[in-house]
Structures are given as C-alpha cells and as structure tokens.
Amino acid sequence: MKPKVLIPLAQGCEELEAVTLIDLLRRAGIEVITASLTDEPVKCSRNTQIIADTTLDKVINDDFDLMVLPGGLPGADHLNADPRIHQMIDRLASENKQIAAICAAPKVLLENGILDGKQVTAYPGSLSAMDTSRIKLNDKPVQIDGNVITSKGPGTAMEFALTLIEKLLGADARKQVEEPLQRIT
C-alpha cells in the first residue's frame, strides 16, 4: 500500500516549498492530499494561487503516514494559529507517524511541543521570537530526528522532498525520482 501524505496549505505559504513537495512526492507514487484551511484558493507568499485538493475539515480524521507543513509567512503563522493543525500533530505523534516542516513552519512544531529535546533546523531567525531552549537548533539543510523531519527553506525544498521520499519508500525510490531531475551535486 502506498503511503498517504497530507500537505496543509495556508494563505501566505511559500509556493516553491509547497509545489516542490507536492510534485516530488507524487513523482514517487505517494498519495498526496493538499488541504486548505478554508474553502478559498490559497494565495501564496508570492501571489501564486493554488487550489487545494480538499479542505482540512474534510480530511482531519483520515489516516496519514506523514504530514508536511510548508513554510513561508504568514503561512506558517496561520498554520500555527489553527487548532486543527495542532490536533493533527498530536494525533500523528501519538500514532508514531512522520511529521515534517520546512522554513518557518518548524515554529508550529515547536509551539506544539513535539520538538522538545530534538535536533531541528529552520529558516534563520524564524524561531528567534520563541523559546528554543528545549530544542537543539542547527544549520543543516535537512534534519531527521526520530519521526520529525525539518528543513531550512525554499533552497532546501528539493532535498527535503527527496529525504521524505527516502524515509517513506527507501533509497531506491529516492534515486528513481532524483536521477531524472538532473540535480547538480
């Protein structure tokens, strides 16, 4: 059975991150569900509009193997302010499922408390207004610590997505998606 991934989309999300995640995960054959917080099209941080597959209310009780939070501002702040997102984080964490966030979105996981004691990366300065004493913040492009995966920002979105593919499907699946991309390494 192929993995099922939820990507919640909030107004003001970073479109490069959101689209890269959606595209690469789908290239790997992963079932990706994009869910907006409202019924409206999502206007991203650079004014790109994305129409999500569904709304969060319609999938909130569905089973997912991974939830990935795109960053961008004010997108990450909207995700953080939505109690449904925190409810899903709590549920997925209790089920030992994967939870991931990129750019400014690790602030949602920090606020939730699931980053306590973990190695974390995030967009520089995005967590500066928060108490980071409970985490081990580093400068890596992608950080895996248990079932939590974090990444720095738009420039790391492709590596982040490929890491998620590898985590869900293994190194061979990652290689099958990565080779045709012609990435410079």
N, C-alpha and C. Protein backbone atom coordinates (compact mmCIF):
# COMPACT_ATOMS: atom_id res chain seq x y z
N MET A 1 0.84 -1.19 0.00
CA MET A 1 0.00 0.00 0.00
C MET A 1 0.89 1.25 0.00
N LYS A 2 0.57 2.18 -0.88
CA LYS A 2 1.42 3.37 -0.97
C LYS A 2 1.13 4.33 0.19
N PRO A 3 2.18 5.04 0.63
CA PRO A 3 2.00 5.99 1.73
C PRO A 3 1.04 7.12 1.35
N LYS A 4 0.43 7.68 2.36
CA LYS A 4 -0.51 8.79 2.18
C LYS A 4 0.01 9.98 2.98
N VAL A 5 0.14 11.12 2.30
CA VAL A 5 0.73 12.31 2.89
C VAL A 5 -0.25 13.47 2.82
N LEU A 6 -0.34 14.21 3.93
CA LEU A 6 -1.15 15.42 3.99
C LEU A 6 -0.24 16.64 3.94
N ILE A 7 -0.55 17.57 3.04
CA ILE A 7 0.14 18.86 3.00
C ILE A 7 -0.91 19.95 3.18
N PRO A 8 -1.02 20.48 4.41
CA PRO A 8 -1.96 21.58 4.64
C PRO A 8 -1.43 22.87 4.01
N LEU A 9 -2.30 23.59 3.34
CA LEU A 9 -1.92 24.83 2.68
C LEU A 9 -2.65 26.00 3.32
N ALA A 10 -1.88 26.94 3.84
CA ALA A 10 -2.44 28.13 4.48
C ALA A 10 -2.18 29.35 3.60
N GLN A 11 -3.04 30.33 3.71
CA GLN A 11 -2.81 31.59 3.00
C GLN A 11 -1.42 32.11 3.36
N GLY A 12 -0.66 32.50 2.34
CA GLY A 12 0.68 33.03 2.57
C GLY A 12 1.77 31.98 2.70
N CYS A 13 1.47 30.75 2.30
CA CYS A 13 2.51 29.72 2.35
C CYS A 13 3.55 29.99 1.26
N GLU A 14 4.71 29.39 1.41
CA GLU A 14 5.79 29.53 0.43
C GLU A 14 5.51 28.56 -0.73
N GLU A 15 5.19 29.12 -1.91
CA GLU A 15 4.78 28.28 -3.03
C GLU A 15 5.89 27.38 -3.54
N LEU A 16 7.13 27.83 -3.52
CA LEU A 16 8.22 26.98 -4.00
C LEU A 16 8.31 25.71 -3.17
N GLU A 17 8.15 25.84 -1.87
CA GLU A 17 8.18 24.68 -0.99
C GLU A 17 6.97 23.79 -1.22
N ALA A 18 5.79 24.39 -1.23
CA ALA A 18 4.56 23.61 -1.37
C ALA A 18 4.55 22.82 -2.68
N VAL A 19 4.83 23.49 -3.78
CA VAL A 19 4.77 22.84 -5.09
C VAL A 19 5.87 21.80 -5.24
N THR A 20 7.07 22.09 -4.75
CA THR A 20 8.16 21.11 -4.82
C THR A 20 7.79 19.85 -4.05
N LEU A 21 7.25 20.00 -2.87
CA LEU A 21 6.84 18.85 -2.06
C LEU A 21 5.76 18.04 -2.78
N ILE A 22 4.73 18.72 -3.24
CA ILE A 22 3.63 18.04 -3.92
C ILE A 22 4.15 17.28 -5.14
N ASP A 23 4.92 17.96 -5.97
CA ASP A 23 5.41 17.38 -7.21
C ASP A 23 6.31 16.16 -6.97
N LEU A 24 7.33 16.31 -6.15
CA LEU A 24 8.28 15.21 -5.99
C LEU A 24 7.66 14.01 -5.28
N LEU A 25 6.84 14.26 -4.27
CA LEU A 25 6.19 13.14 -3.59
C LEU A 25 5.26 12.38 -4.55
N ARG A 26 4.56 13.10 -5.39
CA ARG A 26 3.70 12.45 -6.38
C ARG A 26 4.51 11.71 -7.43
N ARG A 27 5.66 12.23 -7.82
CA ARG A 27 6.53 11.52 -8.76
C ARG A 27 6.95 10.17 -8.20
N ALA A 28 7.04 10.09 -6.87
CA ALA A 28 7.43 8.83 -6.22
C ALA A 28 6.26 7.87 -6.08
N GLY A 29 5.07 8.29 -6.51
CA GLY A 29 3.90 7.42 -6.41
C GLY A 29 3.21 7.51 -5.06
N ILE A 30 3.58 8.48 -4.27
CA ILE A 30 2.97 8.68 -2.96
C ILE A 30 1.64 9.41 -3.15
N GLU A 31 0.63 9.00 -2.40
CA GLU A 31 -0.66 9.69 -2.45
C GLU A 31 -0.55 10.96 -1.63
N VAL A 32 -0.63 12.09 -2.31
CA VAL A 32 -0.51 13.40 -1.66
C VAL A 32 -1.87 14.08 -1.67
N ILE A 33 -2.32 14.48 -0.50
CA ILE A 33 -3.57 15.23 -0.35
C ILE A 33 -3.20 16.63 0.11
N THR A 34 -3.55 17.63 -0.70
CA THR A 34 -3.38 19.01 -0.26
C THR A 34 -4.72 19.47 0.32
N ALA A 35 -4.64 20.13 1.46
CA ALA A 35 -5.87 20.56 2.15
C ALA A 35 -5.71 22.01 2.60
N SER A 36 -6.60 22.85 2.12
CA SER A 36 -6.57 24.25 2.54
C SER A 36 -7.29 24.40 3.88
N LEU A 37 -6.91 25.44 4.60
CA LEU A 37 -7.54 25.69 5.90
C LEU A 37 -8.95 26.25 5.74
N THR A 38 -9.23 26.85 4.57
CA THR A 38 -10.55 27.42 4.29
C THR A 38 -11.02 26.91 2.93
N ASP A 39 -12.20 27.34 2.52
CA ASP A 39 -12.75 26.94 1.22
C ASP A 39 -12.19 27.74 0.05
N GLU A 40 -11.38 28.73 0.31
CA GLU A 40 -10.88 29.62 -0.73
C GLU A 40 -9.59 29.08 -1.37
N PRO A 41 -9.30 29.50 -2.62
CA PRO A 41 -7.99 29.19 -3.18
C PRO A 41 -6.91 29.79 -2.27
N VAL A 42 -5.76 29.16 -2.23
CA VAL A 42 -4.67 29.61 -1.37
C VAL A 42 -3.81 30.60 -2.14
N LYS A 43 -3.72 31.82 -1.61
CA LYS A 43 -2.85 32.83 -2.20
C LYS A 43 -1.52 32.76 -1.46
N CYS A 44 -0.50 32.33 -2.17
CA CYS A 44 0.80 32.08 -1.55
C CYS A 44 1.57 33.38 -1.32
N SER A 45 2.75 33.25 -0.74
CA SER A 45 3.54 34.42 -0.33
C SER A 45 3.98 35.29 -1.51
N ARG A 46 4.09 34.73 -2.70
CA ARG A 46 4.47 35.49 -3.88
C ARG A 46 3.29 35.67 -4.83
N ASN A 47 2.08 35.56 -4.29
CA ASN A 47 0.82 35.78 -5.01
C ASN A 47 0.44 34.69 -6.00
N THR A 48 1.14 33.57 -5.99
CA THR A 48 0.71 32.42 -6.77
C THR A 48 -0.52 31.83 -6.09
N GLN A 49 -1.52 31.45 -6.87
CA GLN A 49 -2.70 30.84 -6.28
C GLN A 49 -2.70 29.34 -6.51
N ILE A 50 -3.01 28.62 -5.46
CA ILE A 50 -3.09 27.16 -5.52
C ILE A 50 -4.49 26.75 -5.08
N ILE A 51 -5.08 25.85 -5.82
CA ILE A 51 -6.37 25.30 -5.41
C ILE A 51 -6.08 23.92 -4.82
N ALA A 52 -6.34 23.78 -3.55
CA ALA A 52 -6.07 22.52 -2.85
C ALA A 52 -7.04 21.44 -3.30
N ASP A 53 -6.63 20.18 -3.05
CA ASP A 53 -7.48 19.04 -3.39
C ASP A 53 -8.77 19.04 -2.58
N THR A 54 -8.69 19.53 -1.36
CA THR A 54 -9.82 19.48 -0.43
C THR A 54 -9.59 20.50 0.68
N THR A 55 -10.46 20.47 1.68
CA THR A 55 -10.26 21.32 2.85
C THR A 55 -9.83 20.44 4.03
N LEU A 56 -9.19 21.07 4.99
CA LEU A 56 -8.71 20.34 6.16
C LEU A 56 -9.87 19.68 6.90
N ASP A 57 -11.00 20.35 6.99
CA ASP A 57 -12.15 19.77 7.69
C ASP A 57 -12.58 18.42 7.10
N LYS A 58 -12.42 18.26 5.80
CA LYS A 58 -12.88 17.03 5.14
C LYS A 58 -11.93 15.85 5.35
N VAL A 59 -10.68 16.12 5.75
CA VAL A 59 -9.71 15.03 5.89
C VAL A 59 -9.12 14.93 7.30
N ILE A 60 -9.62 15.74 8.21
CA ILE A 60 -9.00 15.83 9.53
C ILE A 60 -8.95 14.49 10.27
N ASN A 61 -9.90 13.62 10.01
CA ASN A 61 -9.92 12.33 10.70
C ASN A 61 -9.36 11.18 9.86
N ASP A 62 -8.86 11.50 8.66
CA ASP A 62 -8.28 10.46 7.79
C ASP A 62 -6.93 10.00 8.34
N ASP A 63 -6.51 8.83 7.89
CA ASP A 63 -5.21 8.29 8.28
C ASP A 63 -4.15 8.77 7.29
N PHE A 64 -3.03 9.25 7.83
CA PHE A 64 -1.90 9.69 7.02
C PHE A 64 -0.63 9.09 7.59
N ASP A 65 0.32 8.82 6.72
CA ASP A 65 1.63 8.34 7.14
C ASP A 65 2.57 9.49 7.47
N LEU A 66 2.26 10.65 6.91
CA LEU A 66 3.11 11.83 7.07
C LEU A 66 2.28 13.08 6.87
N MET A 67 2.56 14.09 7.69
CA MET A 67 2.02 15.43 7.45
C MET A 67 3.21 16.35 7.28
N VAL A 68 3.20 17.14 6.20
CA VAL A 68 4.29 18.07 5.90
C VAL A 68 3.74 19.49 5.90
N LEU A 69 4.37 20.35 6.69
CA LEU A 69 3.95 21.75 6.77
C LEU A 69 4.88 22.62 5.95
N PRO A 70 4.39 23.23 4.85
CA PRO A 70 5.21 24.19 4.12
C PRO A 70 5.38 25.45 4.96
N GLY A 71 6.46 26.17 4.70
CA GLY A 71 6.72 27.40 5.46
C GLY A 71 6.18 28.61 4.74
N GLY A 72 6.93 29.68 4.84
CA GLY A 72 6.51 30.96 4.31
C GLY A 72 5.72 31.72 5.36
N LEU A 73 5.74 33.03 5.20
CA LEU A 73 4.96 33.89 6.10
C LEU A 73 4.01 34.73 5.28
N PRO A 74 2.81 34.88 5.74
CA PRO A 74 2.29 34.48 7.05
C PRO A 74 1.75 33.05 7.11
N GLY A 75 2.04 32.22 6.09
CA GLY A 75 1.50 30.86 6.06
C GLY A 75 1.77 30.05 7.31
N ALA A 76 3.02 30.06 7.77
CA ALA A 76 3.37 29.28 8.96
C ALA A 76 2.62 29.80 10.19
N ASP A 77 2.42 31.11 10.25
CA ASP A 77 1.67 31.69 11.38
C ASP A 77 0.20 31.25 11.33
N HIS A 78 -0.36 31.16 10.13
CA HIS A 78 -1.75 30.70 10.00
C HIS A 78 -1.87 29.23 10.41
N LEU A 79 -0.88 28.41 10.02
CA LEU A 79 -0.90 27.01 10.44
C LEU A 79 -0.81 26.92 11.97
N ASN A 80 0.07 27.72 12.54
CA ASN A 80 0.29 27.68 13.98
C ASN A 80 -0.95 28.13 14.76
N ALA A 81 -1.71 29.04 14.19
CA ALA A 81 -2.89 29.57 14.88
C ALA A 81 -4.11 28.65 14.74
N ASP A 82 -4.01 27.62 13.92
CA ASP A 82 -5.15 26.75 13.66
C ASP A 82 -5.12 25.54 14.60
N PRO A 83 -6.08 25.45 15.52
CA PRO A 83 -6.08 24.32 16.47
C PRO A 83 -6.20 22.95 15.80
N ARG A 84 -6.79 22.91 14.59
CA ARG A 84 -6.90 21.62 13.88
C ARG A 84 -5.53 21.08 13.50
N ILE A 85 -4.61 21.96 13.14
CA ILE A 85 -3.25 21.53 12.80
C ILE A 85 -2.58 20.92 14.02
N HIS A 86 -2.73 21.57 15.17
CA HIS A 86 -2.13 21.04 16.40
C HIS A 86 -2.80 19.72 16.81
N GLN A 87 -4.09 19.61 16.57
CA GLN A 87 -4.80 18.36 16.84
C GLN A 87 -4.23 17.23 15.99
N MET A 88 -3.98 17.52 14.71
CA MET A 88 -3.42 16.50 13.82
C MET A 88 -1.99 16.14 14.21
N ILE A 89 -1.19 17.13 14.60
CA ILE A 89 0.17 16.86 15.06
C ILE A 89 0.13 15.92 16.25
N ASP A 90 -0.73 16.23 17.22
CA ASP A 90 -0.85 15.39 18.42
C ASP A 90 -1.25 13.96 18.05
N ARG A 91 -2.23 13.84 17.16
CA ARG A 91 -2.71 12.51 16.78
C ARG A 91 -1.64 11.72 16.03
N LEU A 92 -1.00 12.36 15.06
CA LEU A 92 0.03 11.65 14.30
C LEU A 92 1.21 11.27 15.19
N ALA A 93 1.60 12.16 16.09
CA ALA A 93 2.69 11.84 17.02
C ALA A 93 2.32 10.66 17.91
N SER A 94 1.08 10.63 18.38
CA SER A 94 0.65 9.53 19.25
C SER A 94 0.59 8.20 18.49
N GLU A 95 0.42 8.27 17.16
CA GLU A 95 0.39 7.08 16.31
C GLU A 95 1.77 6.73 15.76
N ASN A 96 2.79 7.48 16.21
CA ASN A 96 4.17 7.25 15.77
C ASN A 96 4.34 7.45 14.26
N LYS A 97 3.59 8.41 13.70
CA LYS A 97 3.67 8.73 12.27
C LYS A 97 4.71 9.84 12.07
N GLN A 98 5.09 10.07 10.82
CA GLN A 98 6.07 11.09 10.46
C GLN A 98 5.41 12.47 10.43
N ILE A 99 6.16 13.47 10.91
CA ILE A 99 5.71 14.86 10.87
C ILE A 99 6.89 15.68 10.38
N ALA A 100 6.65 16.56 9.40
CA ALA A 100 7.74 17.33 8.82
C ALA A 100 7.33 18.78 8.63
N ALA A 101 8.33 19.66 8.65
CA ALA A 101 8.08 21.08 8.47
C ALA A 101 9.33 21.73 7.88
N ILE A 102 9.11 22.74 7.05
CA ILE A 102 10.21 23.44 6.38
C ILE A 102 10.09 24.94 6.59
N CYS A 103 11.23 25.62 6.56
CA CYS A 103 11.31 27.08 6.58
C CYS A 103 10.85 27.64 7.93
N ALA A 104 9.79 28.40 7.95
CA ALA A 104 9.26 28.95 9.19
C ALA A 104 8.28 27.99 9.88
N ALA A 105 7.86 26.93 9.19
CA ALA A 105 6.86 26.02 9.75
C ALA A 105 7.34 25.20 10.96
N PRO A 106 8.65 24.98 11.17
CA PRO A 106 9.03 24.31 12.42
C PRO A 106 8.54 25.04 13.67
N LYS A 107 8.19 26.33 13.54
CA LYS A 107 7.64 27.06 14.69
C LYS A 107 6.33 26.42 15.17
N VAL A 108 5.58 25.83 14.23
CA VAL A 108 4.32 25.16 14.60
C VAL A 108 4.64 23.94 15.47
N LEU A 109 5.66 23.19 15.07
CA LEU A 109 6.05 22.00 15.83
C LEU A 109 6.66 22.39 17.17
N LEU A 110 7.41 23.48 17.20
CA LEU A 110 7.99 23.97 18.45
C LEU A 110 6.88 24.39 19.42
N GLU A 111 5.93 25.14 18.91
CA GLU A 111 4.79 25.59 19.73
C GLU A 111 4.01 24.39 20.26
N ASN A 112 3.89 23.36 19.44
CA ASN A 112 3.16 22.16 19.83
C ASN A 112 3.88 21.36 20.91
N GLY A 113 5.21 21.45 20.94
CA GLY A 113 5.97 20.72 21.95
C GLY A 113 6.59 19.42 21.47
N ILE A 114 6.31 19.01 20.23
CA ILE A 114 6.85 17.72 19.78
C ILE A 114 8.33 17.80 19.40
N LEU A 115 8.90 19.01 19.40
CA LEU A 115 10.32 19.15 19.10
C LEU A 115 11.19 19.08 20.36
N ASP A 116 10.57 19.00 21.52
CA ASP A 116 11.35 19.01 22.76
C ASP A 116 12.45 17.96 22.73
N GLY A 117 13.69 18.41 22.96
CA GLY A 117 14.85 17.53 23.01
C GLY A 117 15.37 17.09 21.66
N LYS A 118 14.78 17.59 20.57
CA LYS A 118 15.15 17.11 19.23
C LYS A 118 16.12 18.06 18.53
N GLN A 119 16.88 17.48 17.58
CA GLN A 119 17.69 18.25 16.64
C GLN A 119 16.74 18.84 15.61
N VAL A 120 16.87 20.14 15.34
CA VAL A 120 15.93 20.86 14.47
C VAL A 120 16.70 21.84 13.59
N THR A 121 16.22 22.02 12.37
CA THR A 121 16.68 23.11 11.53
C THR A 121 15.46 23.90 11.08
N ALA A 122 15.68 25.16 10.75
CA ALA A 122 14.58 26.04 10.33
C ALA A 122 15.18 27.24 9.60
N TYR A 123 14.33 28.03 9.00
CA TYR A 123 14.79 29.24 8.33
C TYR A 123 15.47 30.15 9.36
N PRO A 124 16.64 30.68 9.04
CA PRO A 124 17.35 31.52 10.01
C PRO A 124 16.49 32.66 10.55
N GLY A 125 16.40 32.73 11.85
CA GLY A 125 15.65 33.79 12.52
C GLY A 125 14.17 33.50 12.72
N SER A 126 13.64 32.46 12.07
CA SER A 126 12.20 32.20 12.15
C SER A 126 11.74 31.76 13.54
N LEU A 127 12.66 31.26 14.35
CA LEU A 127 12.30 30.83 15.70
C LEU A 127 12.81 31.78 16.76
N SER A 128 13.40 32.92 16.35
CA SER A 128 14.06 33.81 17.30
C SER A 128 13.13 34.42 18.35
N ALA A 129 11.87 34.56 18.03
CA ALA A 129 10.91 35.12 18.99
C ALA A 129 10.36 34.06 19.94
N MET A 130 10.82 32.83 19.79
CA MET A 130 10.29 31.73 20.59
C MET A 130 11.36 31.18 21.52
N ASP A 131 10.93 30.47 22.54
CA ASP A 131 11.85 29.82 23.46
C ASP A 131 12.38 28.56 22.79
N THR A 132 13.65 28.58 22.42
CA THR A 132 14.26 27.43 21.75
C THR A 132 15.15 26.62 22.70
N SER A 133 15.03 26.87 23.99
CA SER A 133 15.90 26.17 24.95
C SER A 133 15.61 24.68 25.02
N ARG A 134 14.44 24.25 24.56
CA ARG A 134 14.07 22.83 24.63
C ARG A 134 14.51 22.05 23.40
N ILE A 135 15.08 22.72 22.39
CA ILE A 135 15.49 22.05 21.16
C ILE A 135 16.98 22.27 20.92
N LYS A 136 17.52 21.50 19.98
CA LYS A 136 18.92 21.65 19.57
C LYS A 136 18.90 22.15 18.14
N LEU A 137 18.92 23.47 17.98
CA LEU A 137 18.81 24.11 16.68
C LEU A 137 20.15 24.04 15.95
N ASN A 138 20.12 23.61 14.68
CA ASN A 138 21.34 23.56 13.89
C ASN A 138 21.12 24.21 12.53
N ASP A 139 22.15 24.19 11.72
CA ASP A 139 22.14 24.90 10.43
C ASP A 139 22.09 23.94 9.24
N LYS A 140 21.73 22.69 9.46
CA LYS A 140 21.70 21.72 8.38
C LYS A 140 20.57 22.02 7.40
N PRO A 141 20.71 21.62 6.12
CA PRO A 141 19.62 21.82 5.17
C PRO A 141 18.39 20.98 5.51
N VAL A 142 18.63 19.75 5.97
CA VAL A 142 17.55 18.84 6.38
C VAL A 142 18.00 18.12 7.63
N GLN A 143 17.10 18.00 8.60
CA GLN A 143 17.41 17.32 9.85
C GLN A 143 16.33 16.28 10.14
N ILE A 144 16.78 15.05 10.37
CA ILE A 144 15.88 13.97 10.79
C ILE A 144 16.19 13.67 12.24
N ASP A 145 15.17 13.67 13.09
CA ASP A 145 15.32 13.24 14.48
C ASP A 145 14.09 12.42 14.83
N GLY A 146 14.25 11.11 14.79
CA GLY A 146 13.11 10.22 15.03
C GLY A 146 12.10 10.38 13.92
N ASN A 147 10.86 10.63 14.30
CA ASN A 147 9.77 10.78 13.32
C ASN A 147 9.53 12.22 12.90
N VAL A 148 10.45 13.11 13.28
CA VAL A 148 10.31 14.53 12.91
C VAL A 148 11.43 14.90 11.94
N ILE A 149 11.03 15.52 10.83
CA ILE A 149 11.98 15.95 9.81
C ILE A 149 11.76 17.44 9.58
N THR A 150 12.85 18.22 9.64
CA THR A 150 12.75 19.66 9.42
C THR A 150 13.74 20.08 8.34
N SER A 151 13.48 21.23 7.73
CA SER A 151 14.34 21.74 6.67
C SER A 151 14.37 23.26 6.72
N LYS A 152 15.39 23.85 6.09
CA LYS A 152 15.68 25.28 6.23
C LYS A 152 14.81 26.23 5.43
N GLY A 153 14.55 25.94 4.16
CA GLY A 153 13.82 26.94 3.39
C GLY A 153 13.68 26.59 1.93
N PRO A 154 13.26 27.55 1.11
CA PRO A 154 12.98 27.29 -0.30
C PRO A 154 14.14 26.59 -1.03
N GLY A 155 15.36 26.99 -0.75
CA GLY A 155 16.52 26.40 -1.41
C GLY A 155 16.79 24.96 -1.02
N THR A 156 16.20 24.51 0.06
CA THR A 156 16.40 23.12 0.51
C THR A 156 15.17 22.26 0.24
N ALA A 157 14.17 22.82 -0.42
CA ALA A 157 12.90 22.11 -0.62
C ALA A 157 13.06 20.81 -1.40
N MET A 158 13.92 20.81 -2.41
CA MET A 158 14.08 19.59 -3.21
C MET A 158 14.77 18.50 -2.38
N GLU A 159 15.82 18.85 -1.66
CA GLU A 159 16.50 17.87 -0.81
C GLU A 159 15.54 17.36 0.27
N PHE A 160 14.74 18.25 0.82
CA PHE A 160 13.75 17.91 1.84
C PHE A 160 12.75 16.89 1.28
N ALA A 161 12.20 17.18 0.10
CA ALA A 161 11.22 16.27 -0.51
C ALA A 161 11.84 14.91 -0.81
N LEU A 162 13.06 14.91 -1.32
CA LEU A 162 13.75 13.64 -1.60
C LEU A 162 14.03 12.86 -0.32
N THR A 163 14.34 13.56 0.74
CA THR A 163 14.55 12.91 2.04
C THR A 163 13.26 12.27 2.53
N LEU A 164 12.15 12.96 2.34
CA LEU A 164 10.85 12.41 2.75
C LEU A 164 10.52 11.16 1.94
N ILE A 165 10.83 11.19 0.64
CA ILE A 165 10.61 10.01 -0.20
C ILE A 165 11.44 8.84 0.32
N GLU A 166 12.70 9.11 0.63
CA GLU A 166 13.56 8.05 1.14
C GLU A 166 13.06 7.50 2.47
N LYS A 167 12.59 8.38 3.32
CA LYS A 167 12.07 7.96 4.63
C LYS A 167 10.83 7.07 4.46
N LEU A 168 9.97 7.41 3.51
CA LEU A 168 8.73 6.67 3.32
C LEU A 168 8.89 5.41 2.47
N LEU A 169 9.75 5.48 1.44
CA LEU A 169 9.83 4.39 0.45
C LEU A 169 11.20 3.76 0.29
N GLY A 170 12.23 4.36 0.86
CA GLY A 170 13.57 3.80 0.75
C GLY A 170 14.46 4.52 -0.25
N ALA A 171 15.75 4.18 -0.21
CA ALA A 171 16.76 4.83 -1.03
C ALA A 171 16.55 4.60 -2.53
N ASP A 172 16.07 3.43 -2.93
CA ASP A 172 15.85 3.16 -4.35
C ASP A 172 14.78 4.07 -4.93
N ALA A 173 13.71 4.29 -4.19
CA ALA A 173 12.64 5.19 -4.66
C ALA A 173 13.16 6.61 -4.79
N ARG A 174 13.96 7.03 -3.82
CA ARG A 174 14.55 8.37 -3.90
C ARG A 174 15.39 8.49 -5.17
N LYS A 175 16.22 7.49 -5.43
CA LYS A 175 17.10 7.51 -6.59
C LYS A 175 16.29 7.57 -7.89
N GLN A 176 15.20 6.82 -7.96
CA GLN A 176 14.36 6.81 -9.16
C GLN A 176 13.73 8.17 -9.43
N VAL A 177 13.41 8.90 -8.38
CA VAL A 177 12.85 10.24 -8.56
C VAL A 177 13.97 11.25 -8.82
N GLU A 178 15.08 11.11 -8.13
CA GLU A 178 16.15 12.11 -8.19
C GLU A 178 16.91 12.12 -9.52
N GLU A 179 17.22 10.96 -10.06
CA GLU A 179 18.05 10.90 -11.27
C GLU A 179 17.48 11.71 -12.43
N PRO A 180 16.19 11.58 -12.78
CA PRO A 180 15.67 12.36 -13.92
C PRO A 180 15.61 13.87 -13.66
N LEU A 181 15.76 14.29 -12.40
CA LEU A 181 15.71 15.73 -12.10
C LEU A 181 16.96 16.46 -12.55
N GLN A 182 18.05 15.68 -12.76
CA GLN A 182 19.32 16.27 -13.19
C GLN A 182 19.83 17.34 -12.22
N ARG A 183 19.77 17.00 -10.94
CA ARG A 183 20.27 17.93 -9.93
C ARG A 183 21.78 18.04 -10.01
N ILE A 184 22.30 19.20 -9.72
CA ILE A 184 23.74 19.40 -9.62
C ILE A 184 24.13 19.11 -8.18
N THR A 185 25.09 18.19 -8.01
CA THR A 185 25.53 17.86 -6.65
C THR A 185 26.99 18.18 -6.45
